[in-house]
Every structure is written in structure tokens, then in C-alpha cells.
Amino acid sequence: MIERIETGQRMSKIVKHNGVAYLCGQVGDGATIAEQTRECLSRVEALLETAGSSPEQILQAIIWVADMADFAEMNAVWDAWLPEGHAPARACGEAKLARPELKVEIIITAAC
């Protein structure tokens, strides 16, 4: 069975199937990539809780940054947030994001 949570015309915020939660991409507000990453991860955490999951259960993270020059700053926030010993499979690349003010978008897949 597929369960869709907070579904709109274009997307669901969470799709659950066979004990796995797929989160839609999350972005955050703020002037710096650190601020945006912190808010983004706060949103990820809230969605994981809604899905019956947690940061310890993240299987994969895909991270898009608007400028790889911000990679280290984003990683510092990510590393401080991620529970020790629970690093997921992860990819990070540079991409043009949906709005020019966005600096980071994070897509999470987690066990639930």
C-alpha cells in the first residue's frame, strides 16, 4: 500500500511505501546557506516525525547547493545536526534551484 501525506496537485510532502518514507525536497529561508540549511533540516525533522521516522533512520540524502563555494558551510550545519553514527548514503551537487534566493535543497529517504 502507498500512503501519501499532505498531497496537493503537484506533489505529496511524504510518500510512504513498504516501511520507507520519501520526503519532497526541503528548502529554508535565510540570507546564508547556514541559515537556510538549519531551517531546511528543521523542516526535514518535522516531516520525519510525521512519517513515524527520525534523523537516525535516514537512508539517503540528496543535497543540491546553488554554489559549491558554499559546500563547507552547508556541511558544517549538516554535520552538527546529523546524529553521530547514523550517516546516510549521500550525494551533493550544484544545481540551479527553483528560486534565485535559494541556496540549498535537501531530499531525504528514510526508514519508518
PDB file of N, CA and C in Angstrom:
ATOM      1  N   MET A   1       0.829  -1.180   0.000  1.00  0.00           N
ATOM      2  CA  MET A   1       0.000   0.000   0.000  1.00  0.00           C
ATOM      3  C   MET A   1       0.880   1.253   0.000  1.00  0.00           C
ATOM      4  N   ILE A   2       0.486   2.233  -0.753  1.00  0.00           N
ATOM      5  CA  ILE A   2       1.169   3.520  -0.802  1.00  0.00           C
ATOM      6  C   ILE A   2       0.343   4.520  -0.011  1.00  0.00           C
ATOM      7  N   GLU A   3       0.999   5.235   0.908  1.00  0.00           N
ATOM      8  CA  GLU A   3       0.335   6.268   1.694  1.00  0.00           C
ATOM      9  C   GLU A   3       0.942   7.617   1.321  1.00  0.00           C
ATOM     10  N   ARG A   4       0.090   8.555   0.942  1.00  0.00           N
ATOM     11  CA  ARG A   4       0.530   9.903   0.588  1.00  0.00           C
ATOM     12  C   ARG A   4       0.052  10.871   1.659  1.00  0.00           C
ATOM     13  N   ILE A   5       0.947  11.712   2.131  1.00  0.00           N
ATOM     14  CA  ILE A   5       0.646  12.650   3.214  1.00  0.00           C
ATOM     15  C   ILE A   5       0.857  14.069   2.712  1.00  0.00           C
ATOM     16  N   GLU A   6      -0.103  14.930   3.038  1.00  0.00           N
ATOM     17  CA  GLU A   6      -0.088  16.332   2.596  1.00  0.00           C
ATOM     18  C   GLU A   6       0.070  16.405   1.079  1.00  0.00           C
ATOM     19  N   THR A   7      -0.901  15.817   0.409  1.00  0.00           N
ATOM     20  CA  THR A   7      -0.870  15.715  -1.045  1.00  0.00           C
ATOM     21  C   THR A   7      -1.585  16.887  -1.692  1.00  0.00           C
ATOM     22  N   GLY A   8      -0.941  17.475  -2.672  1.00  0.00           N
ATOM     23  CA  GLY A   8      -1.527  18.530  -3.486  1.00  0.00           C
ATOM     24  C   GLY A   8      -1.596  18.078  -4.924  1.00  0.00           C
ATOM     25  N   GLN A   9      -1.898  18.998  -5.804  1.00  0.00           N
ATOM     26  CA  GLN A   9      -1.991  18.690  -7.227  1.00  0.00           C
ATOM     27  C   GLN A   9      -0.649  18.217  -7.792  1.00  0.00           C
ATOM     28  N   ARG A  10       0.434  18.870  -7.363  1.00  0.00           N
ATOM     29  CA  ARG A  10       1.745  18.619  -7.951  1.00  0.00           C
ATOM     30  C   ARG A  10       2.555  17.557  -7.221  1.00  0.00           C
ATOM     31  N   MET A  11       2.418  17.492  -5.891  1.00  0.00           N
ATOM     32  CA  MET A  11       3.274  16.575  -5.131  1.00  0.00           C
ATOM     33  C   MET A  11       2.705  16.317  -3.748  1.00  0.00           C
ATOM     34  N   SER A  12       3.242  15.287  -3.125  1.00  0.00           N
ATOM     35  CA  SER A  12       2.972  14.987  -1.720  1.00  0.00           C
ATOM     36  C   SER A  12       4.216  15.361  -0.934  1.00  0.00           C
ATOM     37  N   LYS A  13       4.029  15.824   0.300  1.00  0.00           N
ATOM     38  CA  LYS A  13       5.202  16.131   1.124  1.00  0.00           C
ATOM     39  C   LYS A  13       5.898  14.857   1.570  1.00  0.00           C
ATOM     40  N   ILE A  14       5.104  13.790   1.764  1.00  0.00           N
ATOM     41  CA  ILE A  14       5.648  12.492   2.177  1.00  0.00           C
ATOM     42  C   ILE A  14       4.900  11.400   1.400  1.00  0.00           C
ATOM     43  N   VAL A  15       5.651  10.427   0.915  1.00  0.00           N
ATOM     44  CA  VAL A  15       5.055   9.215   0.356  1.00  0.00           C
ATOM     45  C   VAL A  15       5.703   8.043   1.088  1.00  0.00           C
ATOM     46  N   LYS A  16       4.852   7.175   1.664  1.00  0.00           N
ATOM     47  CA  LYS A  16       5.339   6.004   2.398  1.00  0.00           C
ATOM     48  C   LYS A  16       4.956   4.735   1.648  1.00  0.00           C
ATOM     49  N   HIS A  17       5.924   3.811   1.584  1.00  0.00           N
ATOM     50  CA  HIS A  17       5.679   2.528   0.922  1.00  0.00           C
ATOM     51  C   HIS A  17       6.651   1.498   1.482  1.00  0.00           C
ATOM     52  N   ASN A  18       6.123   0.352   1.894  1.00  0.00           N
ATOM     53  CA  ASN A  18       6.959  -0.755   2.383  1.00  0.00           C
ATOM     54  C   ASN A  18       7.969  -0.323   3.450  1.00  0.00           C
ATOM     55  N   GLY A  19       7.540   0.490   4.404  1.00  0.00           N
ATOM     56  CA  GLY A  19       8.411   0.883   5.504  1.00  0.00           C
ATOM     57  C   GLY A  19       9.448   1.936   5.159  1.00  0.00           C
ATOM     58  N   VAL A  20       9.264   2.609   4.031  1.00  0.00           N
ATOM     59  CA  VAL A  20      10.190   3.665   3.619  1.00  0.00           C
ATOM     60  C   VAL A  20       9.402   4.953   3.394  1.00  0.00           C
ATOM     61  N   ALA A  21       9.929   6.066   3.898  1.00  0.00           N
ATOM     62  CA  ALA A  21       9.323   7.385   3.697  1.00  0.00           C
ATOM     63  C   ALA A  21      10.197   8.179   2.733  1.00  0.00           C
ATOM     64  N   TYR A  22       9.553   8.709   1.718  1.00  0.00           N
ATOM     65  CA  TYR A  22      10.218   9.554   0.722  1.00  0.00           C
ATOM     66  C   TYR A  22       9.708  10.977   0.953  1.00  0.00           C
ATOM     67  N   LEU A  23      10.605  11.899   1.278  1.00  0.00           N
ATOM     68  CA  LEU A  23      10.213  13.282   1.533  1.00  0.00           C
ATOM     69  C   LEU A  23      10.429  14.126   0.292  1.00  0.00           C
ATOM     70  N   CYS A  24       9.530  15.083   0.082  1.00  0.00           N
ATOM     71  CA  CYS A  24       9.753  16.028  -1.009  1.00  0.00           C
ATOM     72  C   CYS A  24      10.945  16.911  -0.630  1.00  0.00           C
ATOM     73  N   GLY A  25      11.551  17.547  -1.608  1.00  0.00           N
ATOM     74  CA  GLY A  25      12.693  18.417  -1.359  1.00  0.00           C
ATOM     75  C   GLY A  25      12.329  19.540  -0.403  1.00  0.00           C
ATOM     76  N   GLN A  26      13.248  19.829   0.520  1.00  0.00           N
ATOM     77  CA  GLN A  26      13.028  20.872   1.517  1.00  0.00           C
ATOM     78  C   GLN A  26      14.028  22.003   1.319  1.00  0.00           C
ATOM     79  N   VAL A  27      13.530  23.223   1.468  1.00  0.00           N
ATOM     80  CA  VAL A  27      14.361  24.417   1.399  1.00  0.00           C
ATOM     81  C   VAL A  27      14.108  25.225   2.668  1.00  0.00           C
ATOM     82  N   GLY A  28      14.881  26.267   2.862  1.00  0.00           N
ATOM     83  CA  GLY A  28      14.708  27.106   4.047  1.00  0.00           C
ATOM     84  C   GLY A  28      14.908  28.563   3.713  1.00  0.00           C
ATOM     85  N   ASP A  29      14.486  29.419   4.644  1.00  0.00           N
ATOM     86  CA  ASP A  29      14.682  30.860   4.489  1.00  0.00           C
ATOM     87  C   ASP A  29      15.989  31.259   5.165  1.00  0.00           C
ATOM     88  N   GLY A  30      16.492  32.422   4.791  1.00  0.00           N
ATOM     89  CA  GLY A  30      17.708  32.953   5.404  1.00  0.00           C
ATOM     90  C   GLY A  30      18.617  33.555   4.368  1.00  0.00           C
ATOM     91  N   ALA A  31      19.509  34.398   4.842  1.00  0.00           N
ATOM     92  CA  ALA A  31      20.434  35.088   3.942  1.00  0.00           C
ATOM     93  C   ALA A  31      21.637  34.224   3.577  1.00  0.00           C
ATOM     94  N   THR A  32      22.018  33.296   4.481  1.00  0.00           N
ATOM     95  CA  THR A  32      23.211  32.477   4.246  1.00  0.00           C
ATOM     96  C   THR A  32      22.817  31.023   4.033  1.00  0.00           C
ATOM     97  N   ILE A  33      23.735  30.259   3.487  1.00  0.00           N
ATOM     98  CA  ILE A  33      23.448  28.834   3.310  1.00  0.00           C
ATOM     99  C   ILE A  33      23.334  28.142   4.661  1.00  0.00           C
ATOM    100  N   ALA A  34      24.059  28.612   5.669  1.00  0.00           N
ATOM    101  CA  ALA A  34      23.953  28.023   7.005  1.00  0.00           C
ATOM    102  C   ALA A  34      22.543  28.210   7.558  1.00  0.00           C
ATOM    103  N   GLU A  35      22.006  29.415   7.437  1.00  0.00           N
ATOM    104  CA  GLU A  35      20.648  29.690   7.921  1.00  0.00           C
ATOM    105  C   GLU A  35      19.631  28.850   7.160  1.00  0.00           C
ATOM    106  N   GLN A  36      19.772  28.805   5.856  1.00  0.00           N
ATOM    107  CA  GLN A  36      18.834  28.018   5.047  1.00  0.00           C
ATOM    108  C   GLN A  36      18.934  26.529   5.362  1.00  0.00           C
ATOM    109  N   THR A  37      20.144  26.033   5.572  1.00  0.00           N
ATOM    110  CA  THR A  37      20.334  24.617   5.876  1.00  0.00           C
ATOM    111  C   THR A  37      19.714  24.275   7.227  1.00  0.00           C
ATOM    112  N   ARG A  38      19.920  25.119   8.228  1.00  0.00           N
ATOM    113  CA  ARG A  38      19.321  24.873   9.549  1.00  0.00           C
ATOM    114  C   ARG A  38      17.799  24.787   9.454  1.00  0.00           C
ATOM    115  N   GLU A  39      17.179  25.736   8.761  1.00  0.00           N
ATOM    116  CA  GLU A  39      15.723  25.727   8.632  1.00  0.00           C
ATOM    117  C   GLU A  39      15.257  24.526   7.812  1.00  0.00           C
ATOM    118  N   CYS A  40      15.979  24.227   6.762  1.00  0.00           N
ATOM    119  CA  CYS A  40      15.660  23.080   5.919  1.00  0.00           C
ATOM    120  C   CYS A  40      15.679  21.795   6.753  1.00  0.00           C
ATOM    121  N   LEU A  41      16.693  21.613   7.569  1.00  0.00           N
ATOM    122  CA  LEU A  41      16.803  20.406   8.384  1.00  0.00           C
ATOM    123  C   LEU A  41      15.737  20.366   9.468  1.00  0.00           C
ATOM    124  N   SER A  42      15.312  21.519   9.949  1.00  0.00           N
ATOM    125  CA  SER A  42      14.204  21.582  10.898  1.00  0.00           C
ATOM    126  C   SER A  42      12.928  21.078  10.231  1.00  0.00           C
ATOM    127  N   ARG A  43      12.719  21.474   8.990  1.00  0.00           N
ATOM    128  CA  ARG A  43      11.551  21.006   8.227  1.00  0.00           C
ATOM    129  C   ARG A  43      11.638  19.513   7.950  1.00  0.00           C
ATOM    130  N   VAL A  44      12.835  19.039   7.625  1.00  0.00           N
ATOM    131  CA  VAL A  44      13.052  17.600   7.408  1.00  0.00           C
ATOM    132  C   VAL A  44      12.680  16.839   8.676  1.00  0.00           C
ATOM    133  N   GLU A  45      13.156  17.318   9.814  1.00  0.00           N
ATOM    134  CA  GLU A  45      12.883  16.648  11.086  1.00  0.00           C
ATOM    135  C   GLU A  45      11.377  16.570  11.364  1.00  0.00           C
ATOM    136  N   ALA A  46      10.657  17.651  11.096  1.00  0.00           N
ATOM    137  CA  ALA A  46       9.201  17.666  11.304  1.00  0.00           C
ATOM    138  C   ALA A  46       8.512  16.656  10.384  1.00  0.00           C
ATOM    139  N   LEU A  47       8.928  16.595   9.130  1.00  0.00           N
ATOM    140  CA  LEU A  47       8.339  15.632   8.202  1.00  0.00           C
ATOM    141  C   LEU A  47       8.665  14.195   8.603  1.00  0.00           C
ATOM    142  N   LEU A  48       9.889  13.970   9.055  1.00  0.00           N
ATOM    143  CA  LEU A  48      10.257  12.629   9.509  1.00  0.00           C
ATOM    144  C   LEU A  48       9.377  12.205  10.679  1.00  0.00           C
ATOM    145  N   GLU A  49       9.140  13.111  11.610  1.00  0.00           N
ATOM    146  CA  GLU A  49       8.280  12.807  12.754  1.00  0.00           C
ATOM    147  C   GLU A  49       6.864  12.459  12.277  1.00  0.00           C
ATOM    148  N   THR A  50       6.349  13.247  11.337  1.00  0.00           N
ATOM    149  CA  THR A  50       5.023  12.970  10.776  1.00  0.00           C
ATOM    150  C   THR A  50       4.980  11.591  10.129  1.00  0.00           C
ATOM    151  N   ALA A  51       6.071  11.196   9.505  1.00  0.00           N
ATOM    152  CA  ALA A  51       6.147   9.903   8.818  1.00  0.00           C
ATOM    153  C   ALA A  51       6.403   8.744   9.772  1.00  0.00           C
ATOM    154  N   GLY A  52       6.644   9.048  11.050  1.00  0.00           N
ATOM    155  CA  GLY A  52       6.978   7.994  12.005  1.00  0.00           C
ATOM    156  C   GLY A  52       8.429   7.577  11.924  1.00  0.00           C
ATOM    157  N   SER A  53       9.281   8.525  11.573  1.00  0.00           N
ATOM    158  CA  SER A  53      10.707   8.258  11.410  1.00  0.00           C
ATOM    159  C   SER A  53      11.508   9.281  12.210  1.00  0.00           C
ATOM    160  N   SER A  54      12.816   9.323  11.976  1.00  0.00           N
ATOM    161  CA  SER A  54      13.700  10.240  12.694  1.00  0.00           C
ATOM    162  C   SER A  54      15.017  10.381  11.932  1.00  0.00           C
ATOM    163  N   PRO A  55      15.847  11.363  12.317  1.00  0.00           N
ATOM    164  CA  PRO A  55      17.146  11.501  11.642  1.00  0.00           C
ATOM    165  C   PRO A  55      18.017  10.244  11.733  1.00  0.00           C
ATOM    166  N   GLU A  56      17.840   9.459  12.789  1.00  0.00           N
ATOM    167  CA  GLU A  56      18.618   8.212  12.928  1.00  0.00           C
ATOM    168  C   GLU A  56      18.233   7.172  11.887  1.00  0.00           C
ATOM    169  N   GLN A  57      17.092   7.340  11.246  1.00  0.00           N
ATOM    170  CA  GLN A  57      16.598   6.348  10.289  1.00  0.00           C
ATOM    171  C   GLN A  57      16.739   6.794   8.831  1.00  0.00           C
ATOM    172  N   ILE A  58      17.470   7.885   8.596  1.00  0.00           N
ATOM    173  CA  ILE A  58      17.663   8.350   7.223  1.00  0.00           C
ATOM    174  C   ILE A  58      18.523   7.338   6.468  1.00  0.00           C
ATOM    175  N   LEU A  59      18.034   6.949   5.301  1.00  0.00           N
ATOM    176  CA  LEU A  59      18.754   6.012   4.443  1.00  0.00           C
ATOM    177  C   LEU A  59      19.609   6.739   3.412  1.00  0.00           C
ATOM    178  N   GLN A  60      19.051   7.810   2.839  1.00  0.00           N
ATOM    179  CA  GLN A  60      19.731   8.529   1.769  1.00  0.00           C
ATOM    180  C   GLN A  60      19.386  10.011   1.826  1.00  0.00           C
ATOM    181  N   ALA A  61      20.366  10.829   1.521  1.00  0.00           N
ATOM    182  CA  ALA A  61      20.162  12.274   1.399  1.00  0.00           C
ATOM    183  C   ALA A  61      20.749  12.726   0.066  1.00  0.00           C
ATOM    184  N   ILE A  62      19.971  13.502  -0.641  1.00  0.00           N
ATOM    185  CA  ILE A  62      20.453  14.137  -1.870  1.00  0.00           C
ATOM    186  C   ILE A  62      20.381  15.632  -1.613  1.00  0.00           C
ATOM    187  N   ILE A  63      21.511  16.296  -1.758  1.00  0.00           N
ATOM    188  CA  ILE A  63      21.598  17.722  -1.441  1.00  0.00           C
ATOM    189  C   ILE A  63      22.026  18.481  -2.685  1.00  0.00           C
ATOM    190  N   TRP A  64      21.245  19.511  -2.994  1.00  0.00           N
ATOM    191  CA  TRP A  64      21.592  20.416  -4.091  1.00  0.00           C
ATOM    192  C   TRP A  64      21.967  21.766  -3.488  1.00  0.00           C
ATOM    193  N   VAL A  65      23.111  22.287  -3.893  1.00  0.00           N
ATOM    194  CA  VAL A  65      23.519  23.637  -3.486  1.00  0.00           C
ATOM    195  C   VAL A  65      23.614  24.496  -4.741  1.00  0.00           C
ATOM    196  N   ALA A  66      23.260  25.762  -4.602  1.00  0.00           N
ATOM    197  CA  ALA A  66      23.293  26.668  -5.748  1.00  0.00           C
ATOM    198  C   ALA A  66      24.722  27.004  -6.155  1.00  0.00           C
ATOM    199  N   ASP A  67      25.649  26.933  -5.191  1.00  0.00           N
ATOM    200  CA  ASP A  67      27.045  27.286  -5.455  1.00  0.00           C
ATOM    201  C   ASP A  67      27.940  26.388  -4.601  1.00  0.00           C
ATOM    202  N   MET A  68      28.777  25.577  -5.213  1.00  0.00           N
ATOM    203  CA  MET A  68      29.648  24.669  -4.472  1.00  0.00           C
ATOM    204  C   MET A  68      30.641  25.416  -3.585  1.00  0.00           C
ATOM    205  N   ALA A  69      30.780  26.714  -3.763  1.00  0.00           N
ATOM    206  CA  ALA A  69      31.617  27.508  -2.858  1.00  0.00           C
ATOM    207  C   ALA A  69      31.030  27.486  -1.444  1.00  0.00           C
ATOM    208  N   ASP A  70      29.731  27.183  -1.315  1.00  0.00           N
ATOM    209  CA  ASP A  70      29.054  27.116  -0.018  1.00  0.00           C
ATOM    210  C   ASP A  70      29.052  25.714   0.585  1.00  0.00           C
ATOM    211  N   PHE A  71      29.702  24.767  -0.067  1.00  0.00           N
ATOM    212  CA  PHE A  71      29.679  23.358   0.344  1.00  0.00           C
ATOM    213  C   PHE A  71      30.139  23.166   1.788  1.00  0.00           C
ATOM    214  N   ALA A  72      31.263  23.743   2.171  1.00  0.00           N
ATOM    215  CA  ALA A  72      31.805  23.562   3.523  1.00  0.00           C
ATOM    216  C   ALA A  72      30.874  24.150   4.580  1.00  0.00           C
ATOM    217  N   GLU A  73      30.295  25.309   4.305  1.00  0.00           N
ATOM    218  CA  GLU A  73      29.384  25.947   5.263  1.00  0.00           C
ATOM    219  C   GLU A  73      28.123  25.098   5.450  1.00  0.00           C
ATOM    220  N   MET A  74      27.595  24.560   4.373  1.00  0.00           N
ATOM    221  CA  MET A  74      26.432  23.686   4.464  1.00  0.00           C
ATOM    222  C   MET A  74      26.791  22.420   5.237  1.00  0.00           C
ATOM    223  N   ASN A  75      27.946  21.835   4.934  1.00  0.00           N
ATOM    224  CA  ASN A  75      28.378  20.609   5.610  1.00  0.00           C
ATOM    225  C   ASN A  75      28.553  20.806   7.111  1.00  0.00           C
ATOM    226  N   ALA A  76      29.004  21.971   7.537  1.00  0.00           N
ATOM    227  CA  ALA A  76      29.180  22.232   8.970  1.00  0.00           C
ATOM    228  C   ALA A  76      27.839  22.138   9.694  1.00  0.00           C
ATOM    229  N   VAL A  77      26.784  22.682   9.089  1.00  0.00           N
ATOM    230  CA  VAL A  77      25.441  22.602   9.687  1.00  0.00           C
ATOM    231  C   VAL A  77      24.942  21.157   9.645  1.00  0.00           C
ATOM    232  N   TRP A  78      25.093  20.497   8.508  1.00  0.00           N
ATOM    233  CA  TRP A  78      24.675  19.103   8.355  1.00  0.00           C
ATOM    234  C   TRP A  78      25.360  18.220   9.395  1.00  0.00           C
ATOM    235  N   ASP A  79      26.679  18.350   9.513  1.00  0.00           N
ATOM    236  CA  ASP A  79      27.447  17.508  10.432  1.00  0.00           C
ATOM    237  C   ASP A  79      27.017  17.713  11.886  1.00  0.00           C
ATOM    238  N   ALA A  80      26.704  18.952  12.267  1.00  0.00           N
ATOM    239  CA  ALA A  80      26.263  19.243  13.637  1.00  0.00           C
ATOM    240  C   ALA A  80      24.866  18.672  13.899  1.00  0.00           C
ATOM    241  N   TRP A  81      24.041  18.603  12.863  1.00  0.00           N
ATOM    242  CA  TRP A  81      22.657  18.131  13.003  1.00  0.00           C
ATOM    243  C   TRP A  81      22.548  16.610  13.002  1.00  0.00           C
ATOM    244  N   LEU A  82      23.328  15.952  12.175  1.00  0.00           N
ATOM    245  CA  LEU A  82      23.202  14.507  11.974  1.00  0.00           C
ATOM    246  C   LEU A  82      23.654  13.744  13.221  1.00  0.00           C
ATOM    247  N   PRO A  83      22.822  12.819  13.728  1.00  0.00           N
ATOM    248  CA  PRO A  83      23.222  12.029  14.887  1.00  0.00           C
ATOM    249  C   PRO A  83      24.477  11.200  14.571  1.00  0.00           C
ATOM    250  N   GLU A  84      25.431  11.230  15.479  1.00  0.00           N
ATOM    251  CA  GLU A  84      26.689  10.509  15.276  1.00  0.00           C
ATOM    252  C   GLU A  84      26.422   9.022  15.056  1.00  0.00           C
ATOM    253  N   GLY A  85      27.117   8.467  14.076  1.00  0.00           N
ATOM    254  CA  GLY A  85      26.979   7.052  13.775  1.00  0.00           C
ATOM    255  C   GLY A  85      25.802   6.715  12.868  1.00  0.00           C
ATOM    256  N   HIS A  86      25.071   7.728  12.384  1.00  0.00           N
ATOM    257  CA  HIS A  86      23.886   7.483  11.569  1.00  0.00           C
ATOM    258  C   HIS A  86      23.974   8.165  10.207  1.00  0.00           C
ATOM    259  N   ALA A  87      25.175   8.281   9.664  1.00  0.00           N
ATOM    260  CA  ALA A  87      25.343   8.934   8.367  1.00  0.00           C
ATOM    261  C   ALA A  87      24.675   8.104   7.272  1.00  0.00           C
ATOM    262  N   PRO A  88      23.822   8.739   6.462  1.00  0.00           N
ATOM    263  CA  PRO A  88      23.167   8.025   5.365  1.00  0.00           C
ATOM    264  C   PRO A  88      24.055   7.982   4.126  1.00  0.00           C
ATOM    265  N   ALA A  89      23.624   7.228   3.139  1.00  0.00           N
ATOM    266  CA  ALA A  89      24.224   7.363   1.816  1.00  0.00           C
ATOM    267  C   ALA A  89      23.883   8.786   1.372  1.00  0.00           C
ATOM    268  N   ARG A  90      24.819   9.501   0.752  1.00  0.00           N
ATOM    269  CA  ARG A  90      24.565  10.904   0.450  1.00  0.00           C
ATOM    270  C   ARG A  90      25.248  11.326  -0.838  1.00  0.00           C
ATOM    271  N   ALA A  91      24.588  12.215  -1.560  1.00  0.00           N
ATOM    272  CA  ALA A  91      25.171  12.844  -2.734  1.00  0.00           C
ATOM    273  C   ALA A  91      24.923  14.338  -2.614  1.00  0.00           C
ATOM    274  N   CYS A  92      25.833  15.125  -3.150  1.00  0.00           N
ATOM    275  CA  CYS A  92      25.674  16.580  -3.153  1.00  0.00           C
ATOM    276  C   CYS A  92      26.187  17.111  -4.480  1.00  0.00           C
ATOM    277  N   GLY A  93      25.391  17.967  -5.080  1.00  0.00           N
ATOM    278  CA  GLY A  93      25.796  18.551  -6.346  1.00  0.00           C
ATOM    279  C   GLY A  93      25.338  19.989  -6.447  1.00  0.00           C
ATOM    280  N   GLU A  94      25.866  20.671  -7.432  1.00  0.00           N
ATOM    281  CA  GLU A  94      25.479  22.058  -7.680  1.00  0.00           C
ATOM    282  C   GLU A  94      24.349  22.077  -8.697  1.00  0.00           C
ATOM    283  N   ALA A  95      23.331  22.898  -8.423  1.00  0.00           N
ATOM    284  CA  ALA A  95      22.182  22.972  -9.325  1.00  0.00           C
ATOM    285  C   ALA A  95      21.545  24.354  -9.244  1.00  0.00           C
ATOM    286  N   LYS A  96      20.918  24.750 -10.322  1.00  0.00           N
ATOM    287  CA  LYS A  96      20.109  25.963 -10.307  1.00  0.00           C
ATOM    288  C   LYS A  96      18.799  25.586  -9.621  1.00  0.00           C
ATOM    289  N   LEU A  97      18.494  26.239  -8.508  1.00  0.00           N
ATOM    290  CA  LEU A  97      17.309  25.896  -7.730  1.00  0.00           C
ATOM    291  C   LEU A  97      16.093  26.685  -8.202  1.00  0.00           C
ATOM    292  N   ALA A  98      14.920  26.369  -7.652  1.00  0.00           N
ATOM    293  CA  ALA A  98      13.644  26.895  -8.150  1.00  0.00           C
ATOM    294  C   ALA A  98      13.515  28.415  -8.069  1.00  0.00           C
ATOM    295  N   ARG A  99      14.139  29.021  -7.063  1.00  0.00           N
ATOM    296  CA  ARG A  99      14.103  30.479  -6.917  1.00  0.00           C
ATOM    297  C   ARG A  99      15.523  30.989  -6.717  1.00  0.00           C
ATOM    298  N   PRO A 100      15.844  32.173  -7.227  1.00  0.00           N
ATOM    299  CA  PRO A 100      17.229  32.655  -7.159  1.00  0.00           C
ATOM    300  C   PRO A 100      17.768  32.839  -5.745  1.00  0.00           C
ATOM    301  N   GLU A 101      16.892  33.080  -4.753  1.00  0.00           N
ATOM    302  CA  GLU A 101      17.376  33.289  -3.385  1.00  0.00           C
ATOM    303  C   GLU A 101      17.701  31.979  -2.662  1.00  0.00           C
ATOM    304  N   LEU A 102      17.288  30.854  -3.224  1.00  0.00           N
ATOM    305  CA  LEU A 102      17.555  29.568  -2.586  1.00  0.00           C
ATOM    306  C   LEU A 102      19.016  29.157  -2.779  1.00  0.00           C
ATOM    307  N   LYS A 103      19.605  28.654  -1.680  1.00  0.00           N
ATOM    308  CA  LYS A 103      20.992  28.240  -1.718  1.00  0.00           C
ATOM    309  C   LYS A 103      21.158  26.729  -1.531  1.00  0.00           C
ATOM    310  N   VAL A 104      20.110  26.047  -1.007  1.00  0.00           N
ATOM    311  CA  VAL A 104      20.221  24.613  -0.722  1.00  0.00           C
ATOM    312  C   VAL A 104      18.841  23.973  -0.759  1.00  0.00           C
ATOM    313  N   GLU A 105      18.793  22.740  -1.230  1.00  0.00           N
ATOM    314  CA  GLU A 105      17.591  21.914  -1.171  1.00  0.00           C
ATOM    315  C   GLU A 105      18.027  20.512  -0.791  1.00  0.00           C
ATOM    316  N   ILE A 106      17.279  19.895   0.135  1.00  0.00           N
ATOM    317  CA  ILE A 106      17.640  18.566   0.633  1.00  0.00           C
ATOM    318  C   ILE A 106      16.469  17.612   0.425  1.00  0.00           C
ATOM    319  N   ILE A 107      16.771  16.444  -0.136  1.00  0.00           N
ATOM    320  CA  ILE A 107      15.777  15.403  -0.401  1.00  0.00           C
ATOM    321  C   ILE A 107      16.163  14.185   0.433  1.00  0.00           C
ATOM    322  N   ILE A 108      15.220  13.686   1.217  1.00  0.00           N
ATOM    323  CA  ILE A 108      15.506  12.604   2.173  1.00  0.00           C
ATOM    324  C   ILE A 108      14.652  11.374   1.894  1.00  0.00           C
ATOM    325  N   THR A 109      15.264  10.199   2.050  1.00  0.00           N
ATOM    326  CA  THR A 109      14.572   8.916   2.065  1.00  0.00           C
ATOM    327  C   THR A 109      14.940   8.272   3.401  1.00  0.00           C
ATOM    328  N   ALA A 110      13.915   7.789   4.135  1.00  0.00           N
ATOM    329  CA  ALA A 110      14.170   7.241   5.463  1.00  0.00           C
ATOM    330  C   ALA A 110      13.318   6.008   5.730  1.00  0.00           C
ATOM    331  N   ALA A 111      13.811   5.128   6.586  1.00  0.00           N
ATOM    332  CA  ALA A 111      13.016   4.003   7.058  1.00  0.00           C
ATOM    333  C   ALA A 111      11.982   4.549   8.047  1.00  0.00           C
ATOM    334  N   CYS A 112      10.833   3.903   8.089  1.00  0.00           N
ATOM    335  CA  CYS A 112       9.805   4.337   9.050  1.00  0.00           C
ATOM    336  C   CYS A 112       9.078   3.139   9.640  1.00  0.00           C
TER     337      CYS A 112
END
